[in-house]
Amino acid sequence: MLIACVQTDIAFADFDKNRRQLVQWMHQTGEKGANLVVMPECMLSGYAYESRTEAIEQAISVHHPVFSEIGEIAKQYDMHVTFGFLEKDDDHLFNSVVMIGPAGIAGQYRKIHLPHLGVDRFVDRGDFAYQPFSAGPAKVGLAICYDSSFPEPMRVLALEGADIIALGTNWPSAAQRTAEIVPPARSMENHIFFAAANRIGSEGGFEFCGHSSICGPDGVILAQSHDAQPTILYADVDLEQARNKRIERTPGAHVIDRFQDRCPRFYGAITKKTTNNG
């Protein structure tokens, strides 16, 4: 399948402009035959809010008409697209991502790991379990930005059968090393495909670094941006590569299996709570 990763600027608190831009990117990637399109975190809203009240004004529910509009375009191109938005659910506010395909909403996730940065200072912690969703022949795990700095949720997604992790991000320039190191590391650890779509531009005093990437099993970089310019990355991937965890580097002499070689009974400390654990 063909993965597209969109690196784009986002207009702060301008829903209509961001919606139009999202639609334009969908048409552009759809015409290239992309099957899965990954877009940045908070694609419809922007990120650098200074209060919960300010952010709620830009939040929408999953029943908003925009999701039906995006679904029609996804149907036109037989594609799936992931993008971030601020979600309002009763009195709750979440930093969310949705995956929409030809049949409508195919998956949703609310950000669990919340840094002291931008709108994440004011949103509620996500309450959805990490799980992959079907996008055509692929199983896609959804995650948002800071989630990827923790190996545990990425491993859970892989153990649950994800072939691809779609990560929308708003990495500022100070996080450029994260953009460079984390995607290949997580794809290598789990022997999966990893598509990280970061935003660019400036907002609320932050400059966003771009450096989006698509990585394959064993951390191989399939496509990568080296700057903060608008671009689309493409990678044609074979899902069977992610599903075969047994890697025979030297026949009969060097064989590893990143799942079968695990020893979970020694990992108890991972699940112990520390201060401020969710």
Protein backbone atom coordinates (compact mmCIF):
# COMPACT_ATOMS: atom_id res chain seq x y z
CA MET A 1 0.00 0.00 0.00
CA LEU A 2 1.07 3.60 -0.54
CA ILE A 3 1.54 5.75 2.57
CA ALA A 4 1.60 9.55 2.34
CA CYS A 5 2.83 11.78 5.15
CA VAL A 6 1.80 15.45 4.94
CA GLN A 7 4.06 18.11 6.45
CA THR A 8 2.17 21.40 6.52
CA ASP A 9 1.59 24.65 8.36
CA ILE A 10 -1.60 25.05 10.40
CA ALA A 11 -3.56 28.27 10.93
CA PHE A 12 -4.15 29.03 14.61
CA ALA A 13 -7.84 29.01 15.58
CA ASP A 14 -8.98 29.14 11.93
CA PHE A 15 -11.11 26.05 11.40
CA ASP A 16 -12.31 26.91 7.89
CA LYS A 17 -8.82 27.59 6.56
CA ASN A 18 -7.46 24.39 8.05
CA ARG A 19 -10.40 22.38 6.71
CA ARG A 20 -9.81 23.72 3.20
CA GLN A 21 -6.13 22.90 3.47
CA LEU A 22 -6.85 19.37 4.68
CA VAL A 23 -9.20 18.84 1.73
CA GLN A 24 -6.57 20.13 -0.71
CA TRP A 25 -3.94 17.75 0.68
CA MET A 26 -6.40 14.86 0.39
CA HIS A 27 -7.05 15.59 -3.27
CA GLN A 28 -3.33 15.92 -3.96
CA THR A 29 -2.43 12.64 -2.26
CA GLY A 30 -5.53 10.90 -3.60
CA GLU A 31 -4.56 11.71 -7.16
CA LYS A 32 -1.20 10.03 -6.48
CA GLY A 33 -3.00 6.90 -5.34
CA ALA A 34 -2.23 7.11 -1.63
CA ASN A 35 -4.04 4.49 0.45
CA LEU A 36 -3.19 5.95 3.88
CA VAL A 37 -2.58 9.67 4.46
CA VAL A 38 -1.17 10.87 7.78
CA MET A 39 -1.53 14.53 8.81
CA PRO A 40 -0.31 16.48 11.85
CA GLU A 41 -1.64 16.83 15.37
CA CYS A 42 -4.35 19.49 15.90
CA MET A 43 -4.70 19.86 12.12
CA LEU A 44 -8.07 21.60 12.37
CA SER A 45 -7.34 23.88 15.32
CA GLY A 46 -3.73 24.78 15.92
CA TYR A 47 -1.94 23.99 19.16
CA ALA A 48 -0.49 26.89 21.16
CA TYR A 49 -3.54 27.85 23.24
CA GLU A 50 -3.17 29.80 26.47
CA SER A 51 -6.29 28.60 28.31
CA ARG A 52 -8.87 25.85 28.33
CA THR A 53 -11.59 28.39 27.57
CA GLU A 54 -9.74 29.56 24.47
CA ALA A 55 -9.23 25.99 23.29
CA ILE A 56 -12.82 24.87 23.86
CA GLU A 57 -14.00 27.56 21.44
CA GLN A 58 -12.17 25.66 18.67
CA ALA A 59 -13.23 22.18 19.76
CA ILE A 60 -15.76 20.07 17.86
CA SER A 61 -17.56 16.79 18.47
CA VAL A 62 -17.18 13.69 16.32
CA HIS A 63 -20.67 14.44 14.98
CA HIS A 64 -19.49 17.64 13.26
CA PRO A 65 -20.28 17.76 9.51
CA VAL A 66 -16.59 18.01 8.62
CA PHE A 67 -16.16 14.31 9.28
CA SER A 68 -18.84 13.42 6.73
CA GLU A 69 -17.21 15.77 4.22
CA ILE A 70 -13.82 14.13 4.70
CA GLY A 71 -15.47 10.72 4.45
CA GLU A 72 -16.88 11.56 1.03
CA ILE A 73 -13.43 12.52 -0.24
CA ALA A 74 -11.93 9.37 1.28
CA LYS A 75 -14.60 7.37 -0.56
CA GLN A 76 -13.79 9.17 -3.82
CA TYR A 77 -10.15 8.04 -3.64
CA ASP A 78 -10.66 4.81 -1.67
CA MET A 79 -8.23 6.09 0.97
CA HIS A 80 -7.93 6.43 4.72
CA VAL A 81 -6.73 9.66 6.32
CA THR A 82 -5.68 10.50 9.88
CA PHE A 83 -5.67 14.02 11.30
CA GLY A 84 -5.76 15.75 14.67
CA PHE A 85 -8.44 17.97 16.17
CA LEU A 86 -9.62 19.29 19.52
CA GLU A 87 -12.57 17.19 20.61
CA LYS A 88 -15.44 18.39 22.78
CA ASP A 89 -17.41 15.63 24.51
CA ASP A 90 -19.89 17.03 27.07
CA ASP A 91 -17.66 18.90 29.55
CA HIS A 92 -14.51 17.10 28.43
CA LEU A 93 -11.82 18.43 26.11
CA PHE A 94 -9.43 16.05 24.37
CA ASN A 95 -6.49 16.30 21.99
CA SER A 96 -7.74 13.71 19.52
CA VAL A 97 -6.95 12.04 16.23
CA VAL A 98 -9.41 10.35 13.92
CA MET A 99 -8.96 7.98 11.01
CA ILE A 100 -11.59 8.32 8.29
CA GLY A 101 -12.08 5.96 5.38
CA PRO A 102 -14.63 5.33 2.62
CA ALA A 103 -17.18 4.11 5.19
CA GLY A 104 -16.67 7.04 7.57
CA ILE A 105 -14.85 7.09 10.91
CA ALA A 106 -12.69 3.97 11.09
CA GLY A 107 -10.84 4.75 14.32
CA GLN A 108 -10.27 7.38 16.99
CA TYR A 109 -7.77 7.99 19.78
CA ARG A 110 -7.48 10.61 22.54
CA LYS A 111 -3.99 11.65 23.62
CA ILE A 112 -2.88 10.01 26.87
CA HIS A 113 0.64 11.37 27.40
CA LEU A 114 0.34 15.13 27.96
CA PRO A 115 3.43 17.36 28.09
CA HIS A 116 3.43 20.76 29.77
CA LEU A 117 3.17 22.49 26.41
CA GLY A 118 0.51 24.28 24.36
CA VAL A 119 -3.04 22.99 24.55
CA ASP A 120 -1.90 19.81 26.30
CA ARG A 121 -1.72 21.85 29.53
CA PHE A 122 -5.51 22.21 29.46
CA VAL A 123 -6.98 19.07 27.86
CA ASP A 124 -8.21 15.98 29.69
CA ARG A 125 -6.18 12.79 29.57
CA GLY A 126 -7.40 10.37 26.93
CA ASP A 127 -9.54 7.42 27.96
CA PHE A 128 -9.29 5.13 24.91
CA ALA A 129 -7.12 2.02 25.03
CA TYR A 130 -4.28 1.67 22.53
CA GLN A 131 -5.56 -0.49 19.68
CA PRO A 132 -5.09 -0.75 15.92
CA PHE A 133 -7.88 -0.09 13.43
CA SER A 134 -8.45 -1.50 9.95
CA ALA A 135 -7.54 0.61 6.93
CA GLY A 136 -8.03 -1.63 3.94
CA PRO A 137 -5.57 -4.52 4.34
CA ALA A 138 -3.57 -2.72 7.04
CA LYS A 139 -3.93 -2.51 10.80
CA VAL A 140 -3.13 1.07 11.82
CA GLY A 141 -2.28 2.20 15.34
CA LEU A 142 -3.08 5.83 16.16
CA ALA A 143 -0.91 7.94 18.45
CA ILE A 144 -0.20 11.63 19.01
CA CYS A 145 3.17 13.35 19.35
CA TYR A 146 4.47 12.87 22.94
CA ASP A 147 2.99 9.35 23.06
CA SER A 148 5.84 8.22 20.84
CA SER A 149 8.45 9.24 23.42
CA PHE A 150 7.28 6.27 25.48
CA PRO A 151 8.15 2.83 24.07
CA GLU A 152 5.36 1.09 26.04
CA PRO A 153 2.29 2.33 24.07
CA MET A 154 4.04 1.75 20.76
CA ARG A 155 4.84 -1.80 21.83
CA VAL A 156 1.22 -2.35 22.90
CA LEU A 157 0.01 -1.25 19.47
CA ALA A 158 2.46 -3.62 17.80
CA LEU A 159 1.51 -6.52 20.08
CA GLU A 160 -2.15 -5.87 19.25
CA GLY A 161 -1.34 -6.35 15.58
CA ALA A 162 -0.54 -2.91 14.17
CA ASP A 163 1.32 -2.97 10.86
CA ILE A 164 1.69 0.81 10.83
CA ILE A 165 1.70 3.48 13.49
CA ALA A 166 0.31 6.80 12.26
CA LEU A 167 1.67 9.60 14.42
CA GLY A 168 0.51 13.19 14.03
CA THR A 169 2.82 15.63 15.82
CA ASN A 170 3.47 19.27 16.67
CA TRP A 171 7.18 18.96 17.44
CA PRO A 172 8.73 22.40 18.04
CA SER A 173 12.34 23.12 17.10
CA ALA A 174 13.52 22.14 20.58
CA ALA A 175 12.22 18.63 19.86
CA GLN A 176 14.05 18.15 16.57
CA ARG A 177 16.16 15.32 18.01
CA THR A 178 12.92 13.54 18.89
CA ALA A 179 11.78 13.87 15.27
CA GLU A 180 15.07 12.41 14.08
CA ILE A 181 15.51 9.57 16.59
CA VAL A 182 12.12 8.32 17.75
CA PRO A 183 10.44 7.17 14.48
CA PRO A 184 13.30 4.89 13.38
CA ALA A 185 13.77 3.64 16.94
CA ARG A 186 10.11 2.69 17.40
CA SER A 187 9.90 1.05 13.98
CA MET A 188 13.06 -0.94 14.72
CA GLU A 189 11.93 -2.01 18.21
CA ASN A 190 8.62 -3.32 16.94
CA HIS A 191 9.52 -4.28 13.37
CA ILE A 192 6.65 -2.18 11.96
CA PHE A 193 6.09 0.82 9.69
CA PHE A 194 5.99 4.21 11.40
CA ALA A 195 4.67 7.38 9.72
CA ALA A 196 5.30 10.63 11.61
CA ALA A 197 3.68 13.78 10.16
CA ASN A 198 4.94 16.92 11.87
CA ARG A 199 3.71 20.45 11.29
CA ILE A 200 5.75 23.50 10.30
CA GLY A 201 5.40 27.26 10.72
CA SER A 202 5.18 29.34 13.89
CA GLU A 203 2.51 29.77 16.53
CA GLY A 204 2.39 31.25 20.03
CA GLY A 205 6.13 31.88 20.08
CA PHE A 206 7.00 28.36 18.92
CA GLU A 207 8.68 27.38 15.67
CA PHE A 208 7.79 23.88 14.46
CA CYS A 209 10.61 21.85 12.99
CA GLY A 210 9.10 19.61 10.30
CA HIS A 211 11.48 16.64 9.83
CA SER A 212 8.60 14.26 9.15
CA SER A 213 9.44 10.69 8.18
CA ILE A 214 8.21 7.28 7.15
CA CYS A 215 10.24 4.40 8.54
CA GLY A 216 10.09 0.69 7.88
CA PRO A 217 10.82 -2.43 9.92
CA ASP A 218 14.31 -2.46 11.46
CA GLY A 219 14.25 1.36 11.49
CA VAL A 220 14.96 1.78 7.79
CA ILE A 221 14.13 5.34 6.70
CA LEU A 222 11.94 5.11 3.61
CA ALA A 223 11.19 8.83 3.22
CA GLN A 224 12.28 11.82 5.25
CA SER A 225 12.10 15.61 5.35
CA HIS A 226 15.26 17.44 6.37
CA ASP A 227 13.69 20.87 6.81
CA ALA A 228 10.55 22.80 7.80
CA GLN A 229 9.05 23.27 4.34
CA PRO A 230 5.63 22.04 3.20
CA THR A 231 5.97 18.65 1.57
CA ILE A 232 4.41 15.23 1.10
CA LEU A 233 6.44 12.11 1.78
CA TYR A 234 5.47 8.88 0.02
CA ALA A 235 6.45 5.27 0.68
CA ASP A 236 5.14 2.13 -1.00
CA VAL A 237 5.17 -0.56 1.67
CA ASP A 238 4.77 -4.33 1.86
CA LEU A 239 2.74 -5.10 4.99
CA GLU A 240 4.12 -8.64 5.17
CA GLN A 241 7.47 -7.17 6.16
CA ALA A 242 5.91 -5.86 9.37
CA ARG A 243 4.05 -9.10 10.07
CA ASN A 244 7.09 -11.34 9.88
CA LYS A 245 8.87 -10.67 13.17
CA ARG A 246 11.50 -13.35 12.59
CA ILE A 247 14.57 -11.70 11.13
CA GLU A 248 17.26 -13.98 9.73
CA ARG A 249 20.25 -11.73 9.17
CA THR A 250 22.75 -14.55 8.69
CA PRO A 251 21.03 -17.84 7.76
CA GLY A 252 21.28 -20.25 10.66
CA ALA A 253 23.74 -18.05 12.55
CA HIS A 254 22.01 -14.74 13.36
CA VAL A 255 18.25 -14.93 13.86
CA ILE A 256 16.13 -12.65 16.06
CA ASP A 257 12.42 -12.37 16.73
CA ARG A 258 11.47 -9.12 18.45
CA PHE A 259 8.28 -10.60 19.90
CA GLN A 260 9.16 -14.23 20.61
CA ASP A 261 12.45 -13.21 22.27
CA ARG A 262 10.69 -11.00 24.81
CA CYS A 263 10.73 -11.98 28.53
CA PRO A 264 7.71 -10.14 30.03
CA ARG A 265 8.06 -11.82 33.45
CA PHE A 266 11.14 -9.66 34.06
CA TYR A 267 9.41 -6.39 33.14
CA GLY A 268 7.20 -5.84 36.19
CA ALA A 269 8.75 -2.50 37.08
CA ILE A 270 7.30 -1.00 33.89
CA THR A 271 3.77 -1.18 35.29
CA LYS A 272 4.58 0.25 38.72
CA LYS A 273 3.21 3.72 39.36
CA THR A 274 5.45 6.71 39.93
CA THR A 275 4.43 10.24 40.89
CA ASN A 276 1.77 11.74 38.60
CA ASN A 277 1.16 8.48 36.70
CA GLY A 278 -2.17 8.35 34.91
